[in-house]
């Protein structure tokens, strides 16, 4: 069974789906970080050098480990040629 099929099967369970949706923001941030870096044509090591940190710190950010500051997110994005923008959206779970 592929990972995609396993995910679809797991998300059929309401409890799993609810917990997954709670983490959607984190997953989105992780995907955006990786997309910024790869779109800029940078490796984790190259990006780390640009912002003055260790490659392991870039890896942790992209895996959703830790709690990055706004300044860290700005440094990361700027080094990739992007700006950080905060967007508030209505929480589907709370408005239901």
PDB file of N, CA and C in Angstrom:
ATOM      1  N   UNK A   1       0.859  -1.180   0.000  1.00  0.00           N
ATOM      2  CA  UNK A   1       0.000   0.000   0.000  1.00  0.00           C
ATOM      3  C   UNK A   1       0.901   1.238   0.000  1.00  0.00           C
ATOM      4  N   UNK A   2       0.602   2.185  -0.870  1.00  0.00           N
ATOM      5  CA  UNK A   2       1.402   3.407  -0.954  1.00  0.00           C
ATOM      6  C   UNK A   2       1.115   4.307   0.250  1.00  0.00           C
ATOM      7  N   UNK A   3       2.015   5.238   0.488  1.00  0.00           N
ATOM      8  CA  UNK A   3       1.831   6.183   1.585  1.00  0.00           C
ATOM      9  C   UNK A   3       0.573   7.020   1.363  1.00  0.00           C
ATOM     10  N   UNK A   4       0.346   7.407   0.118  1.00  0.00           N
ATOM     11  CA  UNK A   4      -0.844   8.202  -0.207  1.00  0.00           C
ATOM     12  C   UNK A   4      -2.124   7.426   0.098  1.00  0.00           C
ATOM     13  N   UNK A   5      -2.154   6.157  -0.281  1.00  0.00           N
ATOM     14  CA  UNK A   5      -3.333   5.322  -0.024  1.00  0.00           C
ATOM     15  C   UNK A   5      -3.530   5.107   1.472  1.00  0.00           C
ATOM     16  N   UNK A   6      -2.437   4.911   2.189  1.00  0.00           N
ATOM     17  CA  UNK A   6      -2.509   4.727   3.642  1.00  0.00           C
ATOM     18  C   UNK A   6      -3.061   5.980   4.313  1.00  0.00           C
ATOM     19  N   UNK A   7      -2.591   7.146   3.855  1.00  0.00           N
ATOM     20  CA  UNK A   7      -3.076   8.414   4.403  1.00  0.00           C
ATOM     21  C   UNK A   7      -4.571   8.566   4.146  1.00  0.00           C
ATOM     22  N   UNK A   8      -5.013   8.293   2.916  1.00  0.00           N
ATOM     23  CA  UNK A   8      -6.434   8.408   2.586  1.00  0.00           C
ATOM     24  C   UNK A   8      -7.279   7.481   3.445  1.00  0.00           C
ATOM     25  N   UNK A   9      -6.791   6.276   3.659  1.00  0.00           N
ATOM     26  CA  UNK A   9      -7.526   5.317   4.483  1.00  0.00           C
ATOM     27  C   UNK A   9      -7.610   5.801   5.928  1.00  0.00           C
ATOM     28  N   UNK A  10      -6.500   6.287   6.458  1.00  0.00           N
ATOM     29  CA  UNK A  10      -6.475   6.767   7.842  1.00  0.00           C
ATOM     30  C   UNK A  10      -7.403   7.962   8.025  1.00  0.00           C
ATOM     31  N   UNK A  11      -7.450   8.855   7.036  1.00  0.00           N
ATOM     32  CA  UNK A  11      -8.272  10.058   7.146  1.00  0.00           C
ATOM     33  C   UNK A  11      -9.765   9.779   7.062  1.00  0.00           C
ATOM     34  N   UNK A  12     -10.146   8.565   6.736  1.00  0.00           N
ATOM     35  CA  UNK A  12     -11.561   8.189   6.757  1.00  0.00           C
ATOM     36  C   UNK A  12     -12.069   8.087   8.194  1.00  0.00           C
ATOM     37  N   UNK A  13     -11.152   7.881   9.132  1.00  0.00           N
ATOM     38  CA  UNK A  13     -11.496   7.830  10.547  1.00  0.00           C
ATOM     39  C   UNK A  13     -11.652   9.265  11.046  1.00  0.00           C
ATOM     40  N   UNK A  14     -12.804   9.585  11.627  1.00  0.00           N
ATOM     41  CA  UNK A  14     -13.090  10.959  12.049  1.00  0.00           C
ATOM     42  C   UNK A  14     -12.092  11.486  13.070  1.00  0.00           C
ATOM     43  N   UNK A  15     -11.696  10.674  14.037  1.00  0.00           N
ATOM     44  CA  UNK A  15     -10.728  11.124  15.045  1.00  0.00           C
ATOM     45  C   UNK A  15      -9.372  11.432  14.418  1.00  0.00           C
ATOM     46  N   UNK A  16      -8.939  10.576  13.526  1.00  0.00           N
ATOM     47  CA  UNK A  16      -7.664  10.792  12.830  1.00  0.00           C
ATOM     48  C   UNK A  16      -7.745  12.065  11.995  1.00  0.00           C
ATOM     49  N   UNK A  17      -8.850  12.234  11.275  1.00  0.00           N
ATOM     50  CA  UNK A  17      -9.028  13.406  10.422  1.00  0.00           C
ATOM     51  C   UNK A  17      -9.017  14.693  11.251  1.00  0.00           C
ATOM     52  N   UNK A  18      -9.680  14.689  12.410  1.00  0.00           N
ATOM     53  CA  UNK A  18      -9.714  15.869  13.274  1.00  0.00           C
ATOM     54  C   UNK A  18      -8.315  16.231  13.754  1.00  0.00           C
ATOM     55  N   UNK A  19      -7.558  15.241  14.198  1.00  0.00           N
ATOM     56  CA  UNK A  19      -6.187  15.496  14.665  1.00  0.00           C
ATOM     57  C   UNK A  19      -5.298  15.964  13.521  1.00  0.00           C
ATOM     58  N   UNK A  20      -5.476  15.374  12.361  1.00  0.00           N
ATOM     59  CA  UNK A  20      -4.696  15.766  11.184  1.00  0.00           C
ATOM     60  C   UNK A  20      -4.980  17.229  10.830  1.00  0.00           C
ATOM     61  N   UNK A  21      -6.247  17.615  10.870  1.00  0.00           N
ATOM     62  CA  UNK A  21      -6.624  18.990  10.545  1.00  0.00           C
ATOM     63  C   UNK A  21      -6.051  19.981  11.547  1.00  0.00           C
ATOM     64  N   UNK A  22      -5.910  19.569  12.809  1.00  0.00           N
ATOM     65  CA  UNK A  22      -5.304  20.437  13.821  1.00  0.00           C
ATOM     66  C   UNK A  22      -3.847  20.742  13.482  1.00  0.00           C
ATOM     67  N   UNK A  23      -3.189  19.811  12.802  1.00  0.00           N
ATOM     68  CA  UNK A  23      -1.777  19.968  12.444  1.00  0.00           C
ATOM     69  C   UNK A  23      -1.580  20.561  11.051  1.00  0.00           C
ATOM     70  N   UNK A  24      -2.655  20.889  10.374  1.00  0.00           N
ATOM     71  CA  UNK A  24      -2.566  21.365   8.989  1.00  0.00           C
ATOM     72  C   UNK A  24      -1.665  22.590   8.855  1.00  0.00           C
ATOM     73  N   UNK A  25      -1.730  23.502   9.800  1.00  0.00           N
ATOM     74  CA  UNK A  25      -0.886  24.697   9.747  1.00  0.00           C
ATOM     75  C   UNK A  25       0.594  24.360   9.796  1.00  0.00           C
ATOM     76  N   UNK A  26       0.955  23.414  10.661  1.00  0.00           N
ATOM     77  CA  UNK A  26       2.356  22.987  10.747  1.00  0.00           C
ATOM     78  C   UNK A  26       2.801  22.327   9.455  1.00  0.00           C
ATOM     79  N   UNK A  27       1.960  21.445   8.915  1.00  0.00           N
ATOM     80  CA  UNK A  27       2.301  20.773   7.661  1.00  0.00           C
ATOM     81  C   UNK A  27       2.465  21.794   6.538  1.00  0.00           C
ATOM     82  N   UNK A  28       1.591  22.785   6.512  1.00  0.00           N
ATOM     83  CA  UNK A  28       1.654  23.822   5.485  1.00  0.00           C
ATOM     84  C   UNK A  28       2.953  24.617   5.600  1.00  0.00           C
ATOM     85  N   UNK A  29       3.327  24.983   6.822  1.00  0.00           N
ATOM     86  CA  UNK A  29       4.573  25.719   7.024  1.00  0.00           C
ATOM     87  C   UNK A  29       5.770  24.891   6.566  1.00  0.00           C
ATOM     88  N   UNK A  30       5.812  23.621   6.938  1.00  0.00           N
ATOM     89  CA  UNK A  30       6.915  22.752   6.533  1.00  0.00           C
ATOM     90  C   UNK A  30       7.010  22.684   5.010  1.00  0.00           C
ATOM     91  N   UNK A  31       5.873  22.509   4.347  1.00  0.00           N
ATOM     92  CA  UNK A  31       5.861  22.445   2.882  1.00  0.00           C
ATOM     93  C   UNK A  31       6.311  23.758   2.255  1.00  0.00           C
ATOM     94  N   UNK A  32       5.880  24.874   2.829  1.00  0.00           N
ATOM     95  CA  UNK A  32       6.276  26.174   2.289  1.00  0.00           C
ATOM     96  C   UNK A  32       7.773  26.411   2.453  1.00  0.00           C
ATOM     97  N   UNK A  33       8.332  26.014   3.587  1.00  0.00           N
ATOM     98  CA  UNK A  33       9.771  26.175   3.797  1.00  0.00           C
ATOM     99  C   UNK A  33      10.556  25.398   2.748  1.00  0.00           C
ATOM    100  N   UNK A  34      10.189  24.155   2.564  1.00  0.00           N
ATOM    101  CA  UNK A  34      10.895  23.308   1.593  1.00  0.00           C
ATOM    102  C   UNK A  34      10.729  23.857   0.178  1.00  0.00           C
ATOM    103  N   UNK A  35       9.517  24.304  -0.154  1.00  0.00           N
ATOM    104  CA  UNK A  35       9.260  24.859  -1.486  1.00  0.00           C
ATOM    105  C   UNK A  35      10.086  26.117  -1.731  1.00  0.00           C
ATOM    106  N   UNK A  36      10.176  26.993  -0.731  1.00  0.00           N
ATOM    107  CA  UNK A  36      10.987  28.205  -0.890  1.00  0.00           C
ATOM    108  C   UNK A  36      12.439  27.849  -1.183  1.00  0.00           C
ATOM    109  N   UNK A  37      12.974  26.941  -0.386  1.00  0.00           N
ATOM    110  CA  UNK A  37      14.387  26.579  -0.531  1.00  0.00           C
ATOM    111  C   UNK A  37      14.659  25.921  -1.874  1.00  0.00           C
ATOM    112  N   UNK A  38      13.834  24.959  -2.241  1.00  0.00           N
ATOM    113  CA  UNK A  38      14.076  24.249  -3.500  1.00  0.00           C
ATOM    114  C   UNK A  38      13.816  25.148  -4.711  1.00  0.00           C
ATOM    115  N   UNK A  39      12.838  26.056  -4.613  1.00  0.00           N
ATOM    116  CA  UNK A  39      12.585  27.010  -5.702  1.00  0.00           C
ATOM    117  C   UNK A  39      13.769  27.945  -5.905  1.00  0.00           C
ATOM    118  N   UNK A  40      14.463  28.233  -4.812  1.00  0.00           N
ATOM    119  CA  UNK A  40      15.654  29.086  -4.888  1.00  0.00           C
ATOM    120  C   UNK A  40      16.873  28.292  -5.362  1.00  0.00           C
ATOM    121  N   UNK A  41      16.710  26.980  -5.527  1.00  0.00           N
ATOM    122  CA  UNK A  41      17.811  26.136  -5.986  1.00  0.00           C
ATOM    123  C   UNK A  41      18.882  25.916  -4.939  1.00  0.00           C
ATOM    124  N   UNK A  42      18.482  25.965  -3.670  1.00  0.00           N
ATOM    125  CA  UNK A  42      19.437  25.844  -2.570  1.00  0.00           C
ATOM    126  C   UNK A  42      19.340  24.492  -1.886  1.00  0.00           C
ATOM    127  N   UNK A  43      20.477  23.988  -1.450  1.00  0.00           N
ATOM    128  CA  UNK A  43      20.494  22.823  -0.573  1.00  0.00           C
ATOM    129  C   UNK A  43      20.331  23.333   0.855  1.00  0.00           C
ATOM    130  N   UNK A  44      20.072  22.429   1.769  1.00  0.00           N
ATOM    131  CA  UNK A  44      19.986  22.831   3.176  1.00  0.00           C
ATOM    132  C   UNK A  44      21.308  23.443   3.631  1.00  0.00           C
ATOM    133  N   UNK A  45      22.407  22.871   3.190  1.00  0.00           N
ATOM    134  CA  UNK A  45      23.722  23.374   3.583  1.00  0.00           C
ATOM    135  C   UNK A  45      23.967  24.786   3.043  1.00  0.00           C
ATOM    136  N   UNK A  46      23.608  25.033   1.798  1.00  0.00           N
ATOM    137  CA  UNK A  46      23.783  26.364   1.210  1.00  0.00           C
ATOM    138  C   UNK A  46      22.928  27.399   1.933  1.00  0.00           C
ATOM    139  N   UNK A  47      21.694  27.031   2.237  1.00  0.00           N
ATOM    140  CA  UNK A  47      20.808  27.949   2.951  1.00  0.00           C
ATOM    141  C   UNK A  47      21.347  28.237   4.345  1.00  0.00           C
ATOM    142  N   UNK A  48      21.817  27.202   5.017  1.00  0.00           N
ATOM    143  CA  UNK A  48      22.377  27.379   6.359  1.00  0.00           C
ATOM    144  C   UNK A  48      23.528  28.379   6.338  1.00  0.00           C
ATOM    145  N   UNK A  49      24.395  28.276   5.354  1.00  0.00           N
ATOM    146  CA  UNK A  49      25.523  29.212   5.241  1.00  0.00           C
ATOM    147  C   UNK A  49      25.030  30.632   5.011  1.00  0.00           C
ATOM    148  N   UNK A  50      24.006  30.780   4.195  1.00  0.00           N
ATOM    149  CA  UNK A  50      23.465  32.117   3.904  1.00  0.00           C
ATOM    150  C   UNK A  50      22.930  32.809   5.148  1.00  0.00           C
ATOM    151  N   UNK A  51      22.313  32.034   6.039  1.00  0.00           N
ATOM    152  CA  UNK A  51      21.708  32.674   7.215  1.00  0.00           C
ATOM    153  C   UNK A  51      22.535  32.489   8.479  1.00  0.00           C
ATOM    154  N   UNK A  52      23.687  31.863   8.343  1.00  0.00           N
ATOM    155  CA  UNK A  52      24.602  31.754   9.479  1.00  0.00           C
ATOM    156  C   UNK A  52      24.169  30.768  10.539  1.00  0.00           C
ATOM    157  N   UNK A  53      23.742  29.603  10.112  1.00  0.00           N
ATOM    158  CA  UNK A  53      23.341  28.567  11.065  1.00  0.00           C
ATOM    159  C   UNK A  53      23.849  27.217  10.571  1.00  0.00           C
ATOM    160  N   UNK A  54      23.582  26.186  11.330  1.00  0.00           N
ATOM    161  CA  UNK A  54      24.002  24.833  10.957  1.00  0.00           C
ATOM    162  C   UNK A  54      22.948  24.166  10.073  1.00  0.00           C
ATOM    163  N   UNK A  55      23.394  23.268   9.212  1.00  0.00           N
ATOM    164  CA  UNK A  55      22.496  22.516   8.334  1.00  0.00           C
ATOM    165  C   UNK A  55      21.431  21.782   9.151  1.00  0.00           C
ATOM    166  N   UNK A  56      21.814  21.264  10.308  1.00  0.00           N
ATOM    167  CA  UNK A  56      20.868  20.553  11.164  1.00  0.00           C
ATOM    168  C   UNK A  56      19.696  21.420  11.593  1.00  0.00           C
ATOM    169  N   UNK A  57      19.945  22.714  11.776  1.00  0.00           N
ATOM    170  CA  UNK A  57      18.858  23.625  12.149  1.00  0.00           C
ATOM    171  C   UNK A  57      17.862  23.795  11.005  1.00  0.00           C
ATOM    172  N   UNK A  58      18.367  23.833   9.776  1.00  0.00           N
ATOM    173  CA  UNK A  58      17.481  23.922   8.609  1.00  0.00           C
ATOM    174  C   UNK A  58      16.645  22.648   8.512  1.00  0.00           C
ATOM    175  N   UNK A  59      17.292  21.518   8.706  1.00  0.00           N
ATOM    176  CA  UNK A  59      16.595  20.231   8.659  1.00  0.00           C
ATOM    177  C   UNK A  59      15.489  20.171   9.708  1.00  0.00           C
ATOM    178  N   UNK A  60      15.784  20.619  10.919  1.00  0.00           N
ATOM    179  CA  UNK A  60      14.774  20.602  11.988  1.00  0.00           C
ATOM    180  C   UNK A  60      13.588  21.504  11.640  1.00  0.00           C
ATOM    181  N   UNK A  61      13.875  22.689  11.099  1.00  0.00           N
ATOM    182  CA  UNK A  61      12.788  23.589  10.695  1.00  0.00           C
ATOM    183  C   UNK A  61      11.877  22.916   9.678  1.00  0.00           C
ATOM    184  N   UNK A  62      12.495  22.296   8.683  1.00  0.00           N
ATOM    185  CA  UNK A  62      11.721  21.689   7.602  1.00  0.00           C
ATOM    186  C   UNK A  62      10.977  20.434   8.036  1.00  0.00           C
ATOM    187  N   UNK A  63      11.386  19.836   9.135  1.00  0.00           N
ATOM    188  CA  UNK A  63      10.678  18.660   9.659  1.00  0.00           C
ATOM    189  C   UNK A  63       9.659  19.046  10.723  1.00  0.00           C
ATOM    190  N   UNK A  64       9.541  20.343  11.015  1.00  0.00           N
ATOM    191  CA  UNK A  64       8.559  20.798  11.991  1.00  0.00           C
ATOM    192  C   UNK A  64       8.981  20.604  13.428  1.00  0.00           C
ATOM    193  N   UNK A  65      10.269  20.437  13.638  1.00  0.00           N
ATOM    194  CA  UNK A  65      10.778  20.266  15.002  1.00  0.00           C
ATOM    195  C   UNK A  65      11.176  21.638  15.539  1.00  0.00           C
ATOM    196  N   UNK A  66      10.848  21.904  16.759  1.00  0.00           N
ATOM    197  CA  UNK A  66      11.196  23.185  17.360  1.00  0.00           C
ATOM    198  C   UNK A  66      10.086  24.203  17.197  1.00  0.00           C
ATOM    199  N   UNK A  67      10.398  25.413  17.593  1.00  0.00           N
ATOM    200  CA  UNK A  67       9.427  26.499  17.577  1.00  0.00           C
ATOM    201  C   UNK A  67      10.136  27.747  17.057  1.00  0.00           C
ATOM    202  N   UNK A  68      10.229  27.909  15.730  1.00  0.00           N
ATOM    203  CA  UNK A  68      11.019  29.012  15.183  1.00  0.00           C
ATOM    204  C   UNK A  68      10.416  30.376  15.502  1.00  0.00           C
ATOM    205  N   UNK A  69      11.295  31.340  15.708  1.00  0.00           N
ATOM    206  CA  UNK A  69      10.843  32.715  15.936  1.00  0.00           C
ATOM    207  C   UNK A  69      10.464  33.354  14.602  1.00  0.00           C
ATOM    208  N   UNK A  70       9.764  34.466  14.693  1.00  0.00           N
ATOM    209  CA  UNK A  70       9.414  35.219  13.490  1.00  0.00           C
ATOM    210  C   UNK A  70      10.694  35.637  12.765  1.00  0.00           C
ATOM    211  N   UNK A  71      11.704  36.063  13.528  1.00  0.00           N
ATOM    212  CA  UNK A  71      12.975  36.493  12.930  1.00  0.00           C
ATOM    213  C   UNK A  71      13.634  35.350  12.161  1.00  0.00           C
ATOM    214  N   UNK A  72      13.573  34.145  12.702  1.00  0.00           N
ATOM    215  CA  UNK A  72      14.155  32.985  12.020  1.00  0.00           C
ATOM    216  C   UNK A  72      13.422  32.712  10.715  1.00  0.00           C
ATOM    217  N   UNK A  73      12.106  32.768  10.745  1.00  0.00           N
ATOM    218  CA  UNK A  73      11.320  32.546   9.531  1.00  0.00           C
ATOM    219  C   UNK A  73      11.615  33.623   8.482  1.00  0.00           C
ATOM    220  N   UNK A  74      11.785  34.871   8.935  1.00  0.00           N
ATOM    221  CA  UNK A  74      12.124  35.951   8.004  1.00  0.00           C
ATOM    222  C   UNK A  74      13.496  35.732   7.382  1.00  0.00           C
ATOM    223  N   UNK A  75      14.483  35.349   8.194  1.00  0.00           N
ATOM    224  CA  UNK A  75      15.828  35.087   7.672  1.00  0.00           C
ATOM    225  C   UNK A  75      15.791  33.980   6.630  1.00  0.00           C
ATOM    226  N   UNK A  76      15.090  32.919   6.959  1.00  0.00           N
ATOM    227  CA  UNK A  76      14.974  31.772   6.054  1.00  0.00           C
ATOM    228  C   UNK A  76      14.354  32.219   4.724  1.00  0.00           C
ATOM    229  N   UNK A  77      13.203  32.873   4.810  1.00  0.00           N
ATOM    230  CA  UNK A  77      12.484  33.303   3.606  1.00  0.00           C
ATOM    231  C   UNK A  77      13.309  34.292   2.788  1.00  0.00           C
ATOM    232  N   UNK A  78      13.886  35.290   3.440  1.00  0.00           N
ATOM    233  CA  UNK A  78      14.677  36.301   2.738  1.00  0.00           C
ATOM    234  C   UNK A  78      15.867  35.693   2.019  1.00  0.00           C
ATOM    235  N   UNK A  79      16.507  34.712   2.633  1.00  0.00           N
ATOM    236  CA  UNK A  79      17.656  34.047   2.016  1.00  0.00           C
ATOM    237  C   UNK A  79      17.247  33.274   0.765  1.00  0.00           C
ATOM    238  N   UNK A  80      15.968  32.932   0.678  1.00  0.00           N
ATOM    239  CA  UNK A  80      15.439  32.211  -0.491  1.00  0.00           C
ATOM    240  C   UNK A  80      14.789  33.160  -1.498  1.00  0.00           C
ATOM    241  N   UNK A  81      14.783  34.466  -1.176  1.00  0.00           N
ATOM    242  CA  UNK A  81      14.177  35.444  -2.073  1.00  0.00           C
ATOM    243  C   UNK A  81      12.698  35.679  -1.832  1.00  0.00           C
ATOM    244  N   UNK A  82      12.219  35.338  -0.660  1.00  0.00           N
ATOM    245  CA  UNK A  82      10.799  35.484  -0.314  1.00  0.00           C
ATOM    246  C   UNK A  82      10.632  36.422   0.874  1.00  0.00           C
ATOM    247  N   UNK A  83       9.389  36.843   1.116  1.00  0.00           N
ATOM    248  CA  UNK A  83       9.010  37.593   2.303  1.00  0.00           C
ATOM    249  C   UNK A  83       8.033  36.746   3.107  1.00  0.00           C
ATOM    250  N   UNK A  84       8.013  36.970   4.407  1.00  0.00           N
ATOM    251  CA  UNK A  84       7.057  36.268   5.269  1.00  0.00           C
ATOM    252  C   UNK A  84       5.811  37.140   5.391  1.00  0.00           C
ATOM    253  N   UNK A  85       4.654  36.504   5.263  1.00  0.00           N
ATOM    254  CA  UNK A  85       3.378  37.204   5.375  1.00  0.00           C
ATOM    255  C   UNK A  85       2.463  36.359   6.252  1.00  0.00           C
ATOM    256  N   UNK A  86       1.837  36.977   7.228  1.00  0.00           N
ATOM    257  CA  UNK A  86       0.908  36.279   8.109  1.00  0.00           C
ATOM    258  C   UNK A  86      -0.503  36.468   7.573  1.00  0.00           C
ATOM    259  N   UNK A  87      -1.236  35.383   7.503  1.00  0.00           N
ATOM    260  CA  UNK A  87      -2.610  35.444   7.012  1.00  0.00           C
ATOM    261  C   UNK A  87      -3.507  34.708   7.999  1.00  0.00           C
ATOM    262  N   UNK A  88      -4.508  35.396   8.511  1.00  0.00           N
ATOM    263  CA  UNK A  88      -5.458  34.776   9.428  1.00  0.00           C
ATOM    264  C   UNK A  88      -6.636  34.223   8.633  1.00  0.00           C
ATOM    265  N   UNK A  89      -7.030  33.000   8.954  1.00  0.00           N
ATOM    266  CA  UNK A  89      -8.189  32.379   8.313  1.00  0.00           C
ATOM    267  C   UNK A  89      -9.106  31.825   9.395  1.00  0.00           C
ATOM    268  N   UNK A  90     -10.382  31.794   9.110  1.00  0.00           N
ATOM    269  CA  UNK A  90     -11.366  31.288  10.057  1.00  0.00           C
ATOM    270  C   UNK A  90     -11.131  29.805  10.302  1.00  0.00           C
ATOM    271  N   UNK A  91     -11.111  29.399  11.544  1.00  0.00           N
ATOM    272  CA  UNK A  91     -10.885  28.007  11.922  1.00  0.00           C
ATOM    273  C   UNK A  91     -12.167  27.212  11.712  1.00  0.00           C
ATOM    274  N   UNK A  92     -12.123  26.285  10.760  1.00  0.00           N
ATOM    275  CA  UNK A  92     -13.306  25.461  10.445  1.00  0.00           C
ATOM    276  C   UNK A  92     -13.753  24.648  11.653  1.00  0.00           C
ATOM    277  N   UNK A  93     -12.784  24.189  12.448  1.00  0.00           N
ATOM    278  CA  UNK A  93     -13.130  23.334  13.582  1.00  0.00           C
ATOM    279  C   UNK A  93     -13.897  24.096  14.654  1.00  0.00           C
ATOM    280  N   UNK A  94     -13.563  25.379  14.843  1.00  0.00           N
ATOM    281  CA  UNK A  94     -14.229  26.164  15.879  1.00  0.00           C
ATOM    282  C   UNK A  94     -15.542  26.773  15.408  1.00  0.00           C
ATOM    283  N   UNK A  95     -15.678  26.992  14.107  1.00  0.00           N
ATOM    284  CA  UNK A  95     -16.883  27.646  13.603  1.00  0.00           C
ATOM    285  C   UNK A  95     -17.997  26.661  13.262  1.00  0.00           C
ATOM    286  N   UNK A  96     -17.721  25.378  13.372  1.00  0.00           N
ATOM    287  CA  UNK A  96     -18.730  24.361  13.024  1.00  0.00           C
ATOM    288  C   UNK A  96     -19.725  24.160  14.142  1.00  0.00           C
TER     289      UNK A  96
END
